[in-house]
Amino acid sequence: AKKNDVTVTKKEIEAEVALNETNYGGKDALREMAKTAGITTDKQLNDFFELKLTVSKLQAKLFPEEVTDEEIKAYYDENKDLVYKDKKLDDVKEEIRSQLLQQKVSQKFSEWFGKLREDAKISNFMES
């Protein structure tokens, strides 16, 4: 991240924690959810969100992708009966945008990493 000039501020971490507290139904609910992942202290929780934000920023910088409104609508239309039952497009638009963006970035990352592995010269030395 440092090599690519990607940093996360304390303010960004606090905002991410606050957003997740809202999404999970409050501070206590977020802490309970975090415990299931072995995160038991506020420092661990902040470290987790710092890492999450760093990875997200690094991916965005290395693999810039866009999601169009047409892609969002097509995804919604394909999944509205099963996944988005009783939800309007406007209510889930950002959720879908985030999901599609993550899929695109993951695909680009996989392609990049595969190329990196192909180009790497890795030697294994085994003792007999």
Protein backbone atom coordinates (compact mmCIF):
# COMPACT_ATOMS: atom_id res chain seq x y z
CA ALA A 1 0.00 0.00 0.00
CA LYS A 2 2.82 2.41 0.88
CA LYS A 3 4.52 1.64 -2.43
CA ASN A 4 1.34 2.75 -4.20
CA ASP A 5 0.81 5.77 -1.93
CA VAL A 6 -2.38 4.34 -0.40
CA THR A 7 -3.20 5.45 3.12
CA VAL A 8 -6.21 5.31 5.41
CA THR A 9 -6.89 8.04 7.93
CA LYS A 10 -8.25 7.66 11.43
CA LYS A 11 -11.29 9.64 10.31
CA GLU A 12 -11.97 7.16 7.48
CA ILE A 13 -11.74 4.25 9.93
CA GLU A 14 -14.13 5.97 12.33
CA ALA A 15 -16.58 6.61 9.48
CA GLU A 16 -16.39 2.96 8.39
CA VAL A 17 -17.01 1.77 11.95
CA ALA A 18 -19.97 4.15 12.27
CA LEU A 19 -21.41 2.98 8.93
CA ASN A 20 -21.13 -0.66 9.99
CA GLU A 21 -22.67 0.09 13.38
CA THR A 22 -25.65 1.56 11.52
CA ASN A 23 -25.83 -1.38 9.11
CA TYR A 24 -25.68 -3.98 11.89
CA GLY A 25 -28.19 -2.23 14.14
CA GLY A 26 -25.93 -0.47 16.60
CA LYS A 27 -22.58 -0.62 18.34
CA ASP A 28 -23.42 -3.67 20.46
CA ALA A 29 -24.75 -5.63 17.48
CA LEU A 30 -21.57 -4.89 15.49
CA ARG A 31 -19.40 -5.97 18.44
CA GLU A 32 -21.35 -9.24 18.73
CA MET A 33 -20.93 -9.91 15.01
CA ALA A 34 -17.21 -9.12 15.27
CA LYS A 35 -16.82 -11.60 18.13
CA THR A 36 -17.88 -14.40 15.80
CA ALA A 37 -14.78 -13.57 13.73
CA GLY A 38 -12.54 -13.48 16.81
CA ILE A 39 -12.46 -9.68 17.03
CA THR A 40 -12.93 -8.83 20.69
CA THR A 41 -11.42 -5.37 21.21
CA ASP A 42 -12.04 -1.94 19.69
CA LYS A 43 -8.40 -1.87 18.52
CA GLN A 44 -8.87 -5.17 16.67
CA LEU A 45 -12.07 -3.84 15.12
CA ASN A 46 -10.34 -0.63 14.01
CA ASP A 47 -7.40 -2.65 12.64
CA PHE A 48 -9.86 -4.84 10.69
CA PHE A 49 -11.57 -1.83 9.11
CA GLU A 50 -8.21 -0.17 8.41
CA LEU A 51 -7.11 -3.29 6.52
CA LYS A 52 -10.45 -3.50 4.70
CA LEU A 53 -10.23 0.14 3.61
CA THR A 54 -6.57 -0.19 2.61
CA VAL A 55 -7.31 -3.22 0.43
CA SER A 56 -10.31 -1.48 -1.10
CA LYS A 57 -8.30 1.66 -1.93
CA LEU A 58 -5.40 -0.38 -3.29
CA GLN A 59 -7.72 -2.42 -5.50
CA ALA A 60 -9.39 0.75 -6.78
CA LYS A 61 -6.01 2.26 -7.61
CA LEU A 62 -4.53 -0.82 -9.25
CA PHE A 63 -7.70 -2.08 -10.91
CA PRO A 64 -9.96 0.91 -11.62
CA GLU A 65 -13.40 -0.26 -12.66
CA GLU A 66 -16.79 1.36 -13.20
CA VAL A 67 -20.28 -0.04 -12.94
CA THR A 68 -22.90 1.51 -15.19
CA ASP A 69 -26.54 2.13 -14.35
CA GLU A 70 -27.42 -0.26 -17.19
CA GLU A 71 -25.40 -3.06 -15.54
CA ILE A 72 -27.09 -2.37 -12.21
CA LYS A 73 -30.56 -2.47 -13.78
CA ALA A 74 -29.78 -5.67 -15.69
CA TYR A 75 -28.52 -7.35 -12.50
CA TYR A 76 -31.57 -6.16 -10.58
CA ASP A 77 -33.94 -7.41 -13.28
CA GLU A 78 -32.23 -10.82 -13.33
CA ASN A 79 -32.41 -11.18 -9.54
CA LYS A 80 -35.45 -9.20 -8.42
CA ASP A 81 -37.76 -12.19 -8.00
CA LEU A 82 -35.28 -14.23 -6.01
CA VAL A 83 -32.95 -11.80 -4.20
CA TYR A 84 -34.67 -8.41 -4.23
CA LYS A 85 -38.26 -9.47 -3.67
CA ASP A 86 -40.39 -6.52 -2.49
CA LYS A 87 -37.45 -4.08 -2.94
CA LYS A 88 -37.27 -1.26 -5.42
CA LEU A 89 -34.21 -0.69 -7.57
CA ASP A 90 -33.48 2.66 -5.91
CA ASP A 91 -33.41 0.97 -2.49
CA VAL A 92 -30.73 -1.56 -3.52
CA LYS A 93 -28.87 0.33 -6.26
CA GLU A 94 -25.75 1.10 -4.20
CA GLU A 95 -25.66 -2.42 -2.78
CA ILE A 96 -25.75 -3.83 -6.32
CA ARG A 97 -23.15 -1.30 -7.53
CA SER A 98 -20.82 -2.36 -4.73
CA GLN A 99 -21.36 -6.05 -5.44
CA LEU A 100 -20.77 -5.70 -9.19
CA LEU A 101 -17.73 -3.52 -8.63
CA GLN A 102 -16.27 -6.10 -6.27
CA GLN A 103 -16.86 -8.82 -8.87
CA LYS A 104 -15.09 -6.80 -11.56
CA VAL A 105 -12.16 -5.94 -9.31
CA SER A 106 -11.83 -9.55 -8.16
CA GLN A 107 -11.75 -10.69 -11.77
CA LYS A 108 -9.05 -8.14 -12.67
CA PHE A 109 -7.06 -9.09 -9.57
CA SER A 110 -7.25 -12.79 -10.46
CA GLU A 111 -6.05 -12.06 -14.00
CA TRP A 112 -3.22 -9.86 -12.68
CA PHE A 113 -2.16 -12.40 -10.06
CA GLY A 114 -2.28 -15.24 -12.59
CA LYS A 115 -0.01 -13.28 -14.93
CA LEU A 116 2.31 -12.50 -12.04
CA ARG A 117 2.55 -16.21 -11.20
CA GLU A 118 3.20 -17.10 -14.84
CA ASP A 119 6.00 -14.55 -15.08
CA ALA A 120 7.56 -15.45 -11.74
CA LYS A 121 10.44 -17.85 -11.59
CA ILE A 122 9.90 -19.87 -8.46
CA SER A 123 12.32 -22.56 -7.41
CA ASN A 124 11.57 -25.22 -4.86
CA PHE A 125 14.46 -26.79 -3.07
CA MET A 126 13.58 -30.02 -1.36
CA GLU A 127 15.93 -31.91 0.90
CA SER A 128 16.02 -35.64 0.46
